[in-house]
N, C-alpha and C. Protein backbone atom coordinates (compact mmCIF):
# COMPACT_ATOMS: atom_id res chain seq x y z
N MET A 1 -88.16 30.14 27.51
CA MET A 1 -88.16 28.92 26.54
C MET A 1 -87.49 28.90 25.30
N VAL A 2 -88.11 29.97 24.53
CA VAL A 2 -87.51 30.34 23.25
C VAL A 2 -86.12 30.60 23.29
N GLY A 3 -85.49 31.38 24.19
CA GLY A 3 -84.13 31.50 24.24
C GLY A 3 -83.26 30.32 24.50
N GLY A 4 -83.72 29.29 25.20
CA GLY A 4 -83.20 28.16 25.66
C GLY A 4 -83.01 27.11 24.54
N TYR A 5 -83.97 27.17 23.73
CA TYR A 5 -84.15 26.33 22.39
C TYR A 5 -83.12 26.82 21.30
N LEU A 6 -83.34 28.22 21.24
CA LEU A 6 -82.23 29.01 20.42
C LEU A 6 -80.84 28.64 20.75
N ALA A 7 -80.47 28.86 21.89
CA ALA A 7 -79.05 28.53 22.43
C ALA A 7 -78.88 27.10 22.24
N LEU A 8 -79.60 26.05 22.37
CA LEU A 8 -79.47 24.62 22.04
C LEU A 8 -79.10 24.62 20.52
N ILE A 9 -79.83 25.25 19.60
CA ILE A 9 -79.59 25.18 18.23
C ILE A 9 -78.32 25.69 17.94
N LEU A 10 -78.04 27.05 18.47
CA LEU A 10 -76.91 27.29 18.13
C LEU A 10 -75.74 26.73 18.60
N SER A 11 -75.70 26.35 19.83
CA SER A 11 -74.85 25.38 20.23
C SER A 11 -74.22 24.15 19.66
N ALA A 12 -75.51 23.47 19.07
CA ALA A 12 -75.28 22.27 18.14
C ALA A 12 -74.62 22.59 17.04
N ALA A 13 -75.04 23.81 16.50
CA ALA A 13 -74.27 24.10 15.04
C ALA A 13 -72.87 24.48 15.28
N LEU A 14 -72.40 25.00 16.31
CA LEU A 14 -71.16 25.29 16.41
C LEU A 14 -70.31 24.09 16.88
N ILE A 15 -70.91 23.18 17.55
CA ILE A 15 -70.13 21.82 17.88
C ILE A 15 -70.05 21.13 16.56
N PHE A 16 -71.12 21.01 15.74
CA PHE A 16 -70.83 20.37 14.57
C PHE A 16 -69.75 21.08 13.73
N LEU A 17 -69.99 22.24 13.53
CA LEU A 17 -68.81 23.13 12.59
C LEU A 17 -67.51 22.72 13.02
N ALA A 18 -67.32 22.81 14.49
CA ALA A 18 -65.95 22.29 15.04
C ALA A 18 -65.43 20.90 14.78
N LEU A 19 -66.65 20.01 14.93
CA LEU A 19 -66.12 18.62 14.50
C LEU A 19 -66.06 18.47 13.10
N ARG A 20 -66.52 19.20 12.26
CA ARG A 20 -66.61 19.07 10.79
C ARG A 20 -65.19 19.56 10.43
N MET A 21 -64.71 20.88 11.12
CA MET A 21 -63.44 21.26 10.68
C MET A 21 -62.05 20.21 11.04
N THR A 22 -62.38 19.70 12.07
CA THR A 22 -61.51 18.59 12.63
C THR A 22 -61.50 17.38 11.49
N GLY A 23 -62.52 17.18 10.88
CA GLY A 23 -62.68 15.92 10.18
C GLY A 23 -63.18 14.72 10.88
N ILE A 24 -63.77 14.98 12.12
CA ILE A 24 -64.35 13.71 12.90
C ILE A 24 -65.62 13.45 12.16
N VAL A 25 -66.54 14.45 11.80
CA VAL A 25 -67.59 14.24 11.13
C VAL A 25 -67.81 14.69 9.72
N VAL A 26 -68.58 13.96 8.89
CA VAL A 26 -68.81 14.51 7.42
C VAL A 26 -70.31 14.49 7.25
N VAL A 27 -70.72 15.58 6.56
CA VAL A 27 -72.09 15.84 6.37
C VAL A 27 -72.82 14.86 5.66
N GLU A 28 -72.27 14.03 4.83
CA GLU A 28 -73.13 13.08 4.37
C GLU A 28 -73.45 11.93 5.21
N GLU A 29 -72.61 11.44 6.14
CA GLU A 29 -72.76 10.57 7.04
C GLU A 29 -73.91 11.20 8.14
N PHE A 30 -73.85 12.26 8.32
CA PHE A 30 -74.96 12.85 9.22
C PHE A 30 -76.31 12.68 8.41
N ILE A 31 -76.33 13.19 7.13
CA ILE A 31 -77.63 13.16 6.39
C ILE A 31 -77.94 11.66 6.27
N ARG A 32 -77.20 10.82 6.00
CA ARG A 32 -77.75 9.44 6.08
C ARG A 32 -78.10 8.60 7.09
N ASN A 33 -77.67 9.29 8.34
CA ASN A 33 -77.87 8.36 9.56
C ASN A 33 -79.39 7.99 9.80
N THR A 34 -79.53 6.70 10.19
CA THR A 34 -81.08 6.57 10.30
C THR A 34 -81.75 7.16 11.53
N GLU A 35 -81.04 7.48 12.51
CA GLU A 35 -81.74 8.24 13.50
C GLU A 35 -82.08 9.71 13.24
N VAL A 36 -81.08 10.11 12.45
CA VAL A 36 -81.38 11.63 12.03
C VAL A 36 -82.78 11.64 11.14
N ARG A 37 -82.85 10.53 10.22
CA ARG A 37 -83.91 10.40 9.22
C ARG A 37 -85.29 10.04 10.42
N ASN A 38 -85.16 9.48 11.45
CA ASN A 38 -86.37 9.24 12.18
C ASN A 38 -86.83 10.35 12.89
N LEU A 39 -86.00 11.22 13.34
CA LEU A 39 -86.35 12.59 13.97
C LEU A 39 -87.01 13.48 12.71
N ALA A 40 -86.30 13.54 11.63
CA ALA A 40 -86.75 14.32 10.56
C ALA A 40 -88.08 13.91 9.99
N GLU A 41 -88.33 12.68 9.89
CA GLU A 41 -89.31 12.04 9.32
C GLU A 41 -90.06 10.93 10.25
N PRO A 42 -90.64 11.25 11.21
CA PRO A 42 -91.25 10.48 12.24
C PRO A 42 -92.34 9.59 11.67
N GLY A 43 -92.39 8.50 12.11
CA GLY A 43 -93.47 7.39 11.93
C GLY A 43 -94.42 7.33 12.86
N LEU A 44 -95.37 6.64 12.48
CA LEU A 44 -96.51 6.36 13.87
C LEU A 44 -96.14 6.08 15.25
N ARG A 45 -95.18 5.48 15.19
CA ARG A 45 -94.51 5.02 16.65
C ARG A 45 -93.94 6.13 17.28
N GLU A 46 -93.21 6.90 16.36
CA GLU A 46 -92.42 8.22 16.96
C GLU A 46 -93.54 9.01 17.38
N ILE A 47 -94.56 9.35 16.64
CA ILE A 47 -95.48 10.32 16.79
C ILE A 47 -96.42 9.96 18.19
N ILE A 48 -96.85 8.66 18.14
CA ILE A 48 -97.60 8.11 19.40
C ILE A 48 -96.55 8.30 20.74
N LEU A 49 -95.19 8.06 20.55
CA LEU A 49 -94.44 8.14 21.97
C LEU A 49 -94.21 9.75 22.26
N SER A 50 -94.18 10.76 21.07
CA SER A 50 -94.25 12.23 21.48
C SER A 50 -95.47 12.51 22.15
N ALA A 51 -96.70 11.83 21.79
CA ALA A 51 -97.94 12.18 22.34
C ALA A 51 -98.23 11.84 23.71
N CYS A 52 -97.55 10.79 24.07
CA CYS A 52 -97.54 10.10 25.26
C CYS A 52 -96.80 11.02 26.28
N GLY A 53 -95.49 11.57 25.69
CA GLY A 53 -94.68 12.38 26.43
C GLY A 53 -95.38 13.63 26.65
N ALA A 54 -96.19 14.30 25.79
CA ALA A 54 -96.88 15.49 26.07
C ALA A 54 -97.89 15.27 27.09
N LEU A 55 -98.60 14.31 26.98
CA LEU A 55 -99.63 13.89 27.91
C LEU A 55 -98.95 13.69 29.41
N ALA A 56 -97.87 12.99 29.60
CA ALA A 56 -97.30 12.42 30.84
C ALA A 56 -96.65 13.98 31.34
N GLY A 57 -96.01 14.82 30.43
CA GLY A 57 -95.35 16.09 30.74
C GLY A 57 -96.51 17.02 31.42
N MET A 58 -97.78 17.05 30.82
CA MET A 58 -98.84 17.91 31.33
C MET A 58 -99.29 17.38 32.74
N VAL A 59 -99.49 16.04 32.70
CA VAL A 59 -99.96 15.49 34.00
C VAL A 59 -98.57 15.90 35.27
N MET A 60 -97.48 15.76 34.93
CA MET A 60 -96.43 15.84 35.97
C MET A 60 -96.46 17.56 36.27
N LEU A 61 -96.66 18.30 35.26
CA LEU A 61 -96.83 19.75 35.39
C LEU A 61 -97.89 20.11 36.48
N LEU A 62 -99.02 19.47 36.07
CA LEU A 62 -100.31 19.78 36.77
C LEU A 62 -100.20 19.17 38.37
N SER A 63 -99.34 18.24 38.46
CA SER A 63 -99.43 17.36 39.84
C SER A 63 -98.21 17.91 40.53
N ARG A 64 -97.65 19.13 40.09
CA ARG A 64 -96.40 19.90 40.77
C ARG A 64 -95.15 18.91 40.83
N ARG A 65 -95.09 18.03 40.03
CA ARG A 65 -93.75 17.12 39.82
C ARG A 65 -92.63 17.71 38.81
N ARG A 66 -92.37 18.84 39.03
CA ARG A 66 -91.60 19.55 37.83
C ARG A 66 -90.22 18.74 37.61
N TYR A 67 -89.55 18.23 38.61
CA TYR A 67 -88.38 17.52 38.67
C TYR A 67 -88.46 16.35 37.55
N LEU A 68 -89.84 15.80 37.39
CA LEU A 68 -89.92 14.66 36.48
C LEU A 68 -90.00 15.24 34.81
N ILE A 69 -90.19 16.28 34.67
CA ILE A 69 -90.45 16.83 33.34
C ILE A 69 -89.41 16.65 32.31
N PRO A 70 -88.15 16.46 32.68
CA PRO A 70 -87.25 16.28 31.80
C PRO A 70 -87.52 15.00 31.00
N GLY A 71 -87.73 13.99 31.58
CA GLY A 71 -88.29 12.73 30.94
C GLY A 71 -89.11 12.92 29.93
N ALA A 72 -90.33 13.45 30.09
CA ALA A 72 -91.49 13.96 29.24
C ALA A 72 -90.81 14.79 27.95
N LEU A 73 -89.82 15.55 28.23
CA LEU A 73 -89.17 16.14 27.10
C LEU A 73 -88.20 15.27 26.04
N VAL A 74 -87.57 14.52 26.81
CA VAL A 74 -86.91 13.41 26.14
C VAL A 74 -87.86 12.73 25.11
N ALA A 75 -88.85 12.09 25.76
CA ALA A 75 -89.97 11.56 25.13
C ALA A 75 -90.36 12.18 23.76
N LEU A 76 -90.65 13.64 23.94
CA LEU A 76 -91.14 14.55 23.03
C LEU A 76 -90.11 14.66 21.85
N PHE A 77 -88.93 14.57 22.19
CA PHE A 77 -87.70 14.81 21.19
C PHE A 77 -87.65 16.10 20.95
N VAL A 78 -88.07 17.15 21.77
CA VAL A 78 -87.83 18.66 21.50
C VAL A 78 -86.45 18.66 21.56
N ILE A 79 -85.64 18.26 22.30
CA ILE A 79 -84.21 18.51 22.60
C ILE A 79 -83.54 18.00 21.58
N GLU A 80 -83.94 16.78 21.00
CA GLU A 80 -82.90 16.05 20.04
C GLU A 80 -83.18 17.02 18.66
N VAL A 81 -84.46 17.37 18.60
CA VAL A 81 -84.87 17.80 17.08
C VAL A 81 -84.36 19.13 17.20
N SER A 82 -84.24 19.95 18.21
CA SER A 82 -83.50 21.31 18.54
C SER A 82 -82.13 21.09 17.90
N ALA A 83 -81.35 20.10 18.24
CA ALA A 83 -80.04 19.98 17.92
C ALA A 83 -80.06 19.46 16.55
N LEU A 84 -80.82 18.75 16.16
CA LEU A 84 -80.89 18.40 14.57
C LEU A 84 -81.08 19.70 13.85
N MET A 85 -81.82 20.42 14.29
CA MET A 85 -82.00 21.80 13.51
C MET A 85 -80.63 22.70 13.57
N GLY A 86 -80.06 22.49 14.57
CA GLY A 86 -78.80 23.38 14.52
C GLY A 86 -77.46 22.57 13.74
N VAL A 87 -77.55 21.51 13.80
CA VAL A 87 -76.64 20.79 13.00
C VAL A 87 -76.81 20.97 11.65
N ALA A 88 -78.24 20.95 10.90
CA ALA A 88 -78.79 21.11 9.60
C ALA A 88 -78.26 22.35 9.23
N LEU A 89 -78.58 23.31 10.24
CA LEU A 89 -78.04 24.63 9.79
C LEU A 89 -76.55 24.65 9.72
N ALA A 90 -75.76 24.19 10.37
CA ALA A 90 -74.38 24.11 10.10
C ALA A 90 -73.85 23.44 9.07
N ALA A 91 -74.56 22.30 8.75
CA ALA A 91 -74.26 21.43 7.55
C ALA A 91 -74.87 21.89 6.21
N ASP A 92 -75.53 23.09 6.13
CA ASP A 92 -76.20 23.95 4.80
C ASP A 92 -77.02 22.89 4.43
N GLN A 93 -77.89 22.34 5.35
CA GLN A 93 -79.12 21.55 4.89
C GLN A 93 -80.56 22.23 5.20
N PRO A 94 -80.93 23.09 4.34
CA PRO A 94 -82.08 23.84 4.69
C PRO A 94 -83.25 23.06 4.69
N GLY A 95 -83.31 21.97 3.80
CA GLY A 95 -84.56 20.91 3.70
C GLY A 95 -84.56 20.05 5.14
N LEU A 96 -83.35 19.66 5.61
CA LEU A 96 -83.44 19.02 6.88
C LEU A 96 -83.78 19.69 8.14
N MET A 97 -83.48 21.04 8.07
CA MET A 97 -83.80 21.96 9.05
C MET A 97 -85.30 22.27 9.02
N LEU A 98 -85.81 22.53 7.82
CA LEU A 98 -87.29 22.61 7.80
C LEU A 98 -87.98 21.53 8.41
N GLU A 99 -87.52 20.23 8.05
CA GLU A 99 -88.13 19.15 8.59
C GLU A 99 -88.11 18.97 10.09
N GLY A 100 -87.02 19.33 10.58
CA GLY A 100 -86.79 19.57 12.10
C GLY A 100 -87.72 20.55 12.78
N ALA A 101 -87.94 21.47 12.04
CA ALA A 101 -88.92 22.72 12.49
C ALA A 101 -90.13 22.12 12.39
N LYS A 102 -90.69 21.43 11.52
CA LYS A 102 -91.90 20.85 11.56
C LYS A 102 -92.25 19.67 12.58
N ARG A 103 -91.24 19.10 12.69
CA ARG A 103 -91.21 18.13 13.75
C ARG A 103 -91.23 18.65 15.25
N PHE A 104 -90.48 19.82 15.32
CA PHE A 104 -90.88 20.62 16.78
C PHE A 104 -92.11 21.20 16.80
N GLY A 105 -92.59 21.75 15.69
CA GLY A 105 -93.91 22.33 15.63
C GLY A 105 -95.05 21.04 16.04
N LEU A 106 -94.73 19.97 15.60
CA LEU A 106 -96.06 18.78 15.85
C LEU A 106 -95.79 18.64 17.15
N ASP A 107 -94.45 18.65 18.09
CA ASP A 107 -94.50 18.39 19.38
C ASP A 107 -95.16 19.33 20.30
N ILE A 108 -94.91 20.74 19.58
CA ILE A 108 -95.73 21.68 20.31
C ILE A 108 -97.42 21.62 20.08
N VAL A 109 -97.84 21.38 19.21
CA VAL A 109 -98.93 20.97 18.68
C VAL A 109 -99.56 19.92 19.73
N LEU A 110 -98.96 18.97 19.85
CA LEU A 110 -99.26 17.51 20.69
C LEU A 110 -99.24 18.00 22.24
N ILE A 111 -98.29 19.03 22.43
CA ILE A 111 -98.45 19.37 23.77
C ILE A 111 -99.72 20.24 23.92
N VAL A 112 -99.94 21.20 23.45
CA VAL A 112 -101.44 22.02 23.44
C VAL A 112 -102.41 20.94 23.31
N ALA A 113 -102.59 20.28 22.32
CA ALA A 113 -103.75 19.44 22.07
C ALA A 113 -103.95 18.38 23.23
N GLY A 114 -102.97 17.83 23.71
CA GLY A 114 -103.18 16.85 24.86
C GLY A 114 -103.38 17.61 26.21
N GLY A 115 -102.64 19.01 26.26
CA GLY A 115 -102.76 19.57 27.52
C GLY A 115 -103.92 20.25 27.86
N VAL A 116 -104.72 20.73 26.80
CA VAL A 116 -105.86 21.61 27.20
C VAL A 116 -107.15 20.55 27.78
N PRO A 117 -107.29 19.37 27.14
CA PRO A 117 -108.01 18.54 27.79
C PRO A 117 -107.69 18.09 29.30
N ILE A 118 -106.52 17.93 29.58
CA ILE A 118 -106.13 17.40 30.86
C ILE A 118 -106.43 18.64 31.76
N VAL A 119 -106.14 19.88 31.48
CA VAL A 119 -106.26 20.92 32.43
C VAL A 119 -107.59 21.06 32.63
N LEU A 120 -108.52 20.99 31.49
CA LEU A 120 -110.07 21.04 31.58
C LEU A 120 -110.62 19.98 32.38
N LEU A 121 -110.08 18.72 32.26
CA LEU A 121 -110.49 17.67 33.12
C LEU A 121 -110.22 17.99 34.75
N LYS A 122 -109.06 18.39 35.09
CA LYS A 122 -108.64 18.77 36.36
C LYS A 122 -109.38 19.84 36.91
N GLN A 123 -109.74 20.68 35.99
CA GLN A 123 -110.52 21.89 36.48
C GLN A 123 -112.05 21.41 36.91
N ALA A 124 -112.55 20.43 36.16
CA ALA A 124 -113.85 19.92 36.37
C ALA A 124 -113.88 18.83 37.63
N LEU A 125 -112.92 17.95 37.52
CA LEU A 125 -112.86 17.10 38.45
C LEU A 125 -112.40 17.31 39.87
N VAL A 126 -111.28 18.09 40.02
CA VAL A 126 -110.56 18.33 41.16
C VAL A 126 -110.98 19.66 41.70
N HIS A 127 -110.86 20.78 40.92
CA HIS A 127 -111.38 22.02 41.55
C HIS A 127 -112.99 22.16 41.54
N ARG A 128 -113.53 21.71 40.67
CA ARG A 128 -114.90 21.79 40.60
C ARG A 128 -115.54 23.26 40.66
N ARG A 129 -114.76 24.05 39.88
CA ARG A 129 -115.42 25.40 39.91
C ARG A 129 -115.02 25.98 38.69
N LYS A 130 -115.81 27.16 38.14
CA LYS A 130 -115.53 27.83 36.98
C LYS A 130 -113.97 28.29 36.80
N PRO A 131 -113.61 28.27 35.87
CA PRO A 131 -112.16 28.90 35.57
C PRO A 131 -112.21 30.48 35.89
N MET A 132 -111.00 30.93 36.55
CA MET A 132 -111.12 32.15 37.10
C MET A 132 -110.92 33.15 36.07
N VAL A 133 -110.36 32.82 34.89
CA VAL A 133 -110.14 33.59 33.72
C VAL A 133 -111.16 33.45 32.70
């Protein structure tokens, strides 16, 4: 997982550098983009959406519906935030990269905080036995 997200960050950085060298994009336009701001500085709506994505992803994982998990990842914004971090790196914007890393960390916390109760609930209601570990 870590390798995949690092590859995504690196590829986003390389693509942004290539676009910048051709003059297609400008760093200032990227920084002022409203969607970039929404990713870097999420409001309550975005955090609630991420929390719901984390819960949905855990339910899908526990019900062995792994083919549906990409939808939950999109709701979590971990893919978009990883790309944001790569572009911020290429744009030499360490503050924006740090904001992206915070958002990524928030989504990881939401996955764990939402996932543990769901796993425990399934353990108690479905398996009805003590954990093996």
